[in-house]
């Protein structure tokens, strides 16, 4: 059985759920604890105050007081970790999602970004056939109890996102579930960025992590065999997109349904899908960080290694605090 933490129970599909190993079964108790912490950490509305009517002469209330307002139902917060790229610009023989940084594969760093965040309830990992067996082994070995499924993606990034959305739909995830889509080759996303996305979805139907550009951006056009400047936008309005990119499930699902009807559909990220096909949907900006850089080339790998020590320190603190009761933290 597969259960999204605050969703309905759904039967497991062998096409979209990887076979569980014995070690996975032994993780269920740990996952139950994570699930309880995740639900408790999501804010609930304060009950509405209602006046208590005075008692009559017999001591009984004259009228029953108004019922307090019910807390809003909690929804799953699902992280989709995209690890299906083949990394042709990196090293086709050595998939970058499996390359070790500080003795840990890149994909494991990215899974842990969400595994150790108590507000994330479930994780789906999307892979390609070349790395599937190894990722399954790493997930079992790492004891990542929130990983609910490992599925295969497609030839392009949008195909992988589409596979994940279809799987979530097949498992009956609620339409208002919060879905965070993250590139596995951004291994050091800050907790504040993840939680910022979750919070933004209380106000918007879409949000993306991004960093303000410190460089002037030039919009160009072709002039013969040379590029020339067409426009220079105001730098204060320019941002560099990162991930995760977050959506209410119904929003991103609908955007992809519309995009599938367009033969020229080739976006490079999920925010672009919403902006192009649901133009009335506002996408909130959530602050990113320099550590949340994407590994594309060998040079990027050397740069990202400097973030590993600080990430290790922060995760150790997070895990210790997670083991303490609220009154001890």
Protein backbone atom coordinates (compact mmCIF):
# COMPACT_ATOMS: atom_id res chain seq x y z
CA UNK A 1 0.00 0.00 0.00
CA UNK A 2 1.04 3.57 -0.65
CA UNK A 3 -0.36 6.37 1.48
CA UNK A 4 0.29 10.02 1.03
CA UNK A 5 0.51 11.21 4.58
CA UNK A 6 -2.68 13.23 4.69
CA UNK A 7 -4.23 11.69 1.61
CA UNK A 8 -6.37 8.60 1.04
CA UNK A 9 -4.92 5.10 0.86
CA UNK A 10 -4.27 3.82 -2.65
CA UNK A 11 -3.18 0.46 -3.99
CA UNK A 12 0.41 0.25 -5.13
CA UNK A 13 1.14 0.07 -8.86
CA UNK A 14 4.19 -2.01 -9.86
CA UNK A 15 4.73 0.27 -12.86
CA UNK A 16 5.23 3.32 -10.66
CA UNK A 17 6.38 2.03 -7.27
CA UNK A 18 9.74 0.35 -6.82
CA UNK A 19 9.88 -2.95 -4.97
CA UNK A 20 10.25 -2.54 -1.25
CA UNK A 21 13.28 -4.16 0.37
CA UNK A 22 13.12 -5.72 3.88
CA UNK A 23 14.93 -2.69 5.29
CA UNK A 24 12.13 -0.46 4.04
CA UNK A 25 9.56 -2.32 6.10
CA UNK A 26 11.58 -1.72 9.25
CA UNK A 27 11.41 2.01 8.61
CA UNK A 28 7.64 2.25 9.10
CA UNK A 29 7.81 3.16 12.78
CA UNK A 30 10.30 5.94 12.08
CA UNK A 31 8.11 7.21 9.27
CA UNK A 32 5.05 7.29 11.54
CA UNK A 33 6.97 9.56 13.89
CA UNK A 34 7.98 11.83 11.00
CA UNK A 35 4.39 11.91 9.79
CA UNK A 36 3.07 12.99 13.19
CA UNK A 37 5.71 15.72 13.40
CA UNK A 38 4.90 16.91 9.89
CA UNK A 39 1.20 17.22 10.59
CA UNK A 40 1.80 18.97 13.91
CA UNK A 41 4.20 21.44 12.29
CA UNK A 42 1.65 22.66 9.76
CA UNK A 43 -0.17 25.71 11.14
CA UNK A 44 -3.78 25.27 12.13
CA UNK A 45 -6.32 28.03 12.43
CA UNK A 46 -7.13 29.31 15.91
CA UNK A 47 -10.62 28.31 17.02
CA UNK A 48 -13.04 31.19 16.81
CA UNK A 49 -14.02 32.67 20.18
CA UNK A 50 -17.68 32.34 21.07
CA UNK A 51 -19.48 33.85 24.02
CA UNK A 52 -20.75 31.51 26.71
CA UNK A 53 -24.32 32.31 27.61
CA UNK A 54 -25.20 32.65 31.32
CA UNK A 55 -26.63 29.70 33.18
CA UNK A 56 -30.26 29.72 34.23
CA UNK A 57 -31.42 29.47 37.81
CA UNK A 58 -31.00 25.69 37.75
CA UNK A 59 -27.37 26.04 36.85
CA UNK A 60 -27.73 24.80 33.26
CA UNK A 61 -26.69 26.98 30.31
CA UNK A 62 -29.60 28.83 28.75
CA UNK A 63 -28.42 27.98 25.22
CA UNK A 64 -25.53 25.90 23.94
CA UNK A 65 -22.54 27.98 22.90
CA UNK A 66 -21.60 28.25 19.25
CA UNK A 67 -19.29 25.49 18.07
CA UNK A 68 -15.66 26.60 17.58
CA UNK A 69 -14.52 26.86 13.98
CA UNK A 70 -12.98 23.62 12.73
CA UNK A 71 -9.26 23.67 11.84
CA UNK A 72 -8.60 23.45 8.10
CA UNK A 73 -7.84 19.99 6.79
CA UNK A 74 -4.14 19.32 6.34
CA UNK A 75 -2.87 18.29 2.93
CA UNK A 76 0.18 16.33 1.76
CA UNK A 77 3.34 18.31 1.07
CA UNK A 78 5.11 16.23 -1.57
CA UNK A 79 8.67 16.78 -2.80
CA UNK A 80 9.40 15.51 -6.32
CA UNK A 81 13.15 15.06 -6.74
CA UNK A 82 14.10 14.94 -10.42
CA UNK A 83 17.14 12.70 -10.96
CA UNK A 84 16.46 11.48 -14.49
CA UNK A 85 18.93 13.63 -16.41
CA UNK A 86 21.77 12.01 -18.37
CA UNK A 87 24.22 14.88 -17.85
CA UNK A 88 25.73 15.02 -21.32
CA UNK A 89 27.52 18.29 -20.45
CA UNK A 90 28.99 16.70 -17.32
CA UNK A 91 30.12 13.13 -18.08
CA UNK A 92 27.75 10.73 -19.85
CA UNK A 93 29.64 7.77 -18.38
CA UNK A 94 29.42 9.10 -14.83
CA UNK A 95 25.92 10.43 -14.02
CA UNK A 96 26.26 13.59 -11.97
CA UNK A 97 23.39 12.66 -9.62
CA UNK A 98 25.54 9.73 -8.43
CA UNK A 99 28.82 11.64 -8.11
CA UNK A 100 29.98 11.90 -4.50
CA UNK A 101 30.37 15.26 -2.76
CA UNK A 102 31.96 14.90 0.68
CA UNK A 103 31.56 11.11 0.40
CA UNK A 104 27.83 11.27 -0.31
CA UNK A 105 26.14 11.00 -3.72
CA UNK A 106 24.55 14.22 -4.99
CA UNK A 107 21.09 12.63 -5.16
CA UNK A 108 21.30 11.67 -1.47
CA UNK A 109 22.08 15.24 -0.47
CA UNK A 110 18.99 16.39 -2.36
CA UNK A 111 16.71 13.72 -0.91
CA UNK A 112 17.92 14.64 2.58
CA UNK A 113 17.03 18.29 1.98
CA UNK A 114 13.39 17.15 2.15
CA UNK A 115 13.69 14.01 4.28
CA UNK A 116 14.86 16.02 7.29
CA UNK A 117 12.35 18.85 6.87
CA UNK A 118 9.44 17.95 9.19
CA UNK A 119 7.00 19.86 7.01
CA UNK A 120 7.57 17.54 4.03
CA UNK A 121 5.29 14.53 4.24
CA UNK A 122 6.27 12.50 1.17
CA UNK A 123 9.02 12.25 -1.44
CA UNK A 124 8.90 10.92 -5.01
CA UNK A 125 12.20 10.36 -6.82
CA UNK A 126 12.23 10.36 -10.63
CA UNK A 127 15.15 8.55 -12.28
CA UNK A 128 16.34 7.20 -15.63
CA UNK A 129 16.94 3.48 -16.24
CA UNK A 130 20.71 3.94 -16.07
CA UNK A 131 20.68 5.01 -12.43
CA UNK A 132 17.49 3.40 -11.11
CA UNK A 133 19.02 0.36 -9.44
CA UNK A 134 21.69 2.43 -7.73
CA UNK A 135 19.24 5.07 -6.52
CA UNK A 136 16.98 2.36 -5.10
CA UNK A 137 19.96 0.90 -3.27
CA UNK A 138 20.96 4.31 -1.91
CA UNK A 139 17.42 5.04 -0.70
CA UNK A 140 17.23 1.74 1.14
CA UNK A 141 20.73 2.12 2.54
CA UNK A 142 20.05 5.69 3.65
CA UNK A 143 16.80 4.79 5.38
CA UNK A 144 14.86 7.61 3.72
CA UNK A 145 11.45 6.72 5.09
CA UNK A 146 9.58 9.54 3.36
CA UNK A 147 10.46 8.24 -0.12
CA UNK A 148 7.15 6.78 -1.23
CA UNK A 149 8.06 5.90 -4.82
CA UNK A 150 10.95 5.75 -7.26
CA UNK A 151 9.72 6.04 -10.84
CA UNK A 152 11.25 6.43 -14.27
CA UNK A 153 11.05 9.75 -16.06
CA UNK A 154 11.34 10.62 -19.73
CA UNK A 155 13.68 11.97 -22.36
CA UNK A 156 13.34 15.59 -21.21
CA UNK A 157 12.83 17.32 -17.89
CA UNK A 158 9.19 18.07 -18.63
CA UNK A 159 8.60 14.38 -19.36
CA UNK A 160 9.95 13.50 -15.92
CA UNK A 161 7.72 16.04 -14.22
CA UNK A 162 4.80 14.74 -16.24
CA UNK A 163 5.50 11.18 -15.08
CA UNK A 164 5.51 12.30 -11.46
CA UNK A 165 2.26 14.24 -11.84
CA UNK A 166 0.59 11.25 -13.49
CA UNK A 167 1.72 8.98 -10.67
CA UNK A 168 0.36 11.38 -8.06
CA UNK A 169 -2.95 11.57 -9.93
CA UNK A 170 -3.13 7.77 -10.16
CA UNK A 171 -2.65 7.53 -6.41
CA UNK A 172 -5.46 10.00 -5.80
CA UNK A 173 -3.49 12.83 -4.25
CA UNK A 174 -5.79 15.70 -3.19
CA UNK A 175 -6.19 18.51 -5.69
CA UNK A 176 -5.02 21.06 -3.12
CA UNK A 177 -1.89 19.12 -2.16
CA UNK A 178 1.34 21.12 -2.18
CA UNK A 179 3.92 19.79 -4.66
CA UNK A 180 7.55 20.97 -4.63
CA UNK A 181 9.58 20.00 -7.72
CA UNK A 182 13.35 20.03 -7.23
CA UNK A 183 16.40 19.32 -9.39
CA UNK A 184 18.48 16.62 -7.72
CA UNK A 185 21.63 18.34 -8.97
CA UNK A 186 20.94 21.27 -6.65
CA UNK A 187 22.07 19.38 -3.53
CA UNK A 188 22.29 22.25 -1.04
CA UNK A 189 18.97 24.07 -1.06
CA UNK A 190 18.36 25.98 2.18
CA UNK A 191 15.59 24.89 4.58
CA UNK A 192 14.29 28.47 4.50
CA UNK A 193 13.71 28.18 0.75
CA UNK A 194 11.77 24.92 1.10
CA UNK A 195 9.62 26.24 3.93
CA UNK A 196 9.20 29.52 2.09
CA UNK A 197 7.64 27.63 -0.82
CA UNK A 198 5.29 25.77 1.49
CA UNK A 199 4.17 29.01 3.14
CA UNK A 200 3.78 30.85 -0.18
CA UNK A 201 1.26 28.24 -1.34
CA UNK A 202 -1.08 29.37 1.42
CA UNK A 203 -1.47 32.63 -0.50
CA UNK A 204 -0.58 31.72 -4.10
CA UNK A 205 -1.14 28.67 -6.31
CA UNK A 206 2.48 28.70 -7.50
CA UNK A 207 5.87 29.79 -6.18
CA UNK A 208 9.49 29.46 -7.20
CA UNK A 209 12.82 29.87 -5.48
CA UNK A 210 14.91 32.52 -7.22
CA UNK A 211 17.80 34.88 -6.63
CA UNK A 212 17.94 38.52 -7.60
CA UNK A 213 20.35 39.02 -10.48
CA UNK A 214 23.48 40.99 -9.66
CA UNK A 215 24.37 41.27 -13.34
CA UNK A 216 22.70 43.39 -15.99
CA UNK A 217 20.70 41.13 -18.31
CA UNK A 218 20.72 41.72 -22.05
CA UNK A 219 17.85 40.65 -24.32
CA UNK A 220 19.26 39.94 -27.78
CA UNK A 221 18.11 39.29 -31.30
CA UNK A 222 19.77 37.90 -34.42
CA UNK A 223 21.40 40.19 -36.97
CA UNK A 224 22.86 37.97 -39.64
CA UNK A 225 25.34 35.65 -37.96
CA UNK A 226 25.73 37.88 -34.90
CA UNK A 227 23.68 38.51 -31.76
CA UNK A 228 22.90 42.16 -31.02
CA UNK A 229 21.26 43.82 -28.02
CA UNK A 230 17.52 44.26 -28.40
CA UNK A 231 16.65 45.50 -24.88
CA UNK A 232 18.15 46.04 -21.44
CA UNK A 233 15.55 45.25 -18.75
CA UNK A 234 15.63 46.91 -15.35
CA UNK A 235 17.97 44.78 -13.25
CA UNK A 236 15.77 45.19 -10.16
CA UNK A 237 13.14 43.05 -11.91
CA UNK A 238 15.55 40.30 -13.00
CA UNK A 239 15.87 37.06 -11.02
CA UNK A 240 17.71 33.78 -11.59
CA UNK A 241 15.37 30.82 -11.25
CA UNK A 242 16.28 27.97 -8.91
CA UNK A 243 14.33 25.07 -7.44
CA UNK A 244 12.21 23.89 -5.75
CA UNK A 245 9.32 25.25 -7.73
CA UNK A 246 6.08 24.74 -5.86
CA UNK A 247 2.44 24.44 -6.86
CA UNK A 248 -0.95 23.35 -5.71
CA UNK A 249 -1.39 20.02 -7.46
CA UNK A 250 -4.46 21.08 -9.46
CA UNK A 251 -2.55 24.10 -10.81
CA UNK A 252 0.54 22.33 -12.14
CA UNK A 253 -1.53 19.39 -13.37
CA UNK A 254 -3.82 21.70 -15.37
CA UNK A 255 -0.86 23.64 -16.81
CA UNK A 256 0.69 20.42 -18.09
CA UNK A 257 -2.61 19.26 -19.57
CA UNK A 258 -2.83 22.48 -21.59
CA UNK A 259 0.84 22.35 -22.55
CA UNK A 260 0.50 18.81 -23.87
CA UNK A 261 -1.79 20.18 -26.59
CA UNK A 262 0.94 22.53 -27.85
CA UNK A 263 3.32 20.96 -30.41
CA UNK A 264 5.92 23.66 -29.62
CA UNK A 265 5.94 22.84 -25.90
CA UNK A 266 9.62 22.75 -24.78
CA UNK A 267 9.98 24.66 -21.49
CA UNK A 268 13.09 24.32 -19.34
CA UNK A 269 11.34 24.48 -15.99
CA UNK A 270 7.92 24.05 -14.42
CA UNK A 271 7.32 27.71 -13.61
CA UNK A 272 7.50 28.44 -17.34
CA UNK A 273 4.68 25.94 -17.92
CA UNK A 274 2.38 27.78 -15.52
CA UNK A 275 3.37 31.23 -16.78
CA UNK A 276 2.80 30.26 -20.44
CA UNK A 277 -0.36 28.19 -20.11
CA UNK A 278 -2.05 29.68 -17.03
CA UNK A 279 -1.12 33.36 -17.51
CA UNK A 280 -3.59 34.56 -14.87
CA UNK A 281 -1.85 32.50 -12.17
CA UNK A 282 0.59 34.58 -10.15
CA UNK A 283 3.88 32.89 -9.22
CA UNK A 284 5.40 34.09 -5.95
CA UNK A 285 9.16 34.57 -5.55
CA UNK A 286 10.83 32.82 -2.62
CA UNK A 287 14.37 33.82 -1.66
CA UNK A 288 17.07 31.47 -2.91
CA UNK A 289 20.74 31.20 -1.97
CA UNK A 290 24.16 30.89 -3.56
CA UNK A 291 24.52 27.40 -2.07
CA UNK A 292 21.54 26.25 -4.15
CA UNK A 293 23.58 26.17 -7.33
CA UNK A 294 23.05 23.62 -10.07
CA UNK A 295 25.78 21.16 -10.99
CA UNK A 296 26.07 21.23 -14.76
CA UNK A 297 29.80 20.87 -15.48
CA UNK A 298 32.88 19.50 -13.72
CA UNK A 299 33.77 23.06 -12.70
CA UNK A 300 30.42 23.37 -10.91
CA UNK A 301 31.20 20.24 -8.93
CA UNK A 302 34.36 21.78 -7.55
CA UNK A 303 32.48 24.92 -6.56
CA UNK A 304 29.66 23.09 -4.82
CA UNK A 305 31.99 21.10 -2.59
CA UNK A 306 32.56 24.16 -0.42
CA UNK A 307 28.91 24.08 0.65
CA UNK A 308 29.05 20.48 1.91
CA UNK A 309 30.61 21.21 5.32
CA UNK A 310 28.02 23.83 6.28
CA UNK A 311 25.19 21.60 5.04
CA UNK A 312 26.48 18.71 7.16
CA UNK A 313 26.58 20.92 10.25
CA UNK A 314 23.04 22.24 9.72
CA UNK A 315 21.59 18.78 9.12
CA UNK A 316 23.18 17.41 12.27
CA UNK A 317 21.52 20.19 14.25
CA UNK A 318 18.17 19.57 12.53
CA UNK A 319 18.29 15.85 13.27
CA UNK A 320 19.13 16.37 16.94
CA UNK A 321 16.32 18.89 17.34
CA UNK A 322 13.93 16.53 15.58
CA UNK A 323 14.66 13.81 18.14
CA UNK A 324 13.86 16.12 21.06
CA UNK A 325 10.36 16.58 22.38
CA UNK A 326 8.95 20.08 21.77
CA UNK A 327 9.45 21.06 25.41
CA UNK A 328 13.12 20.00 25.22
CA UNK A 329 14.05 21.67 21.94
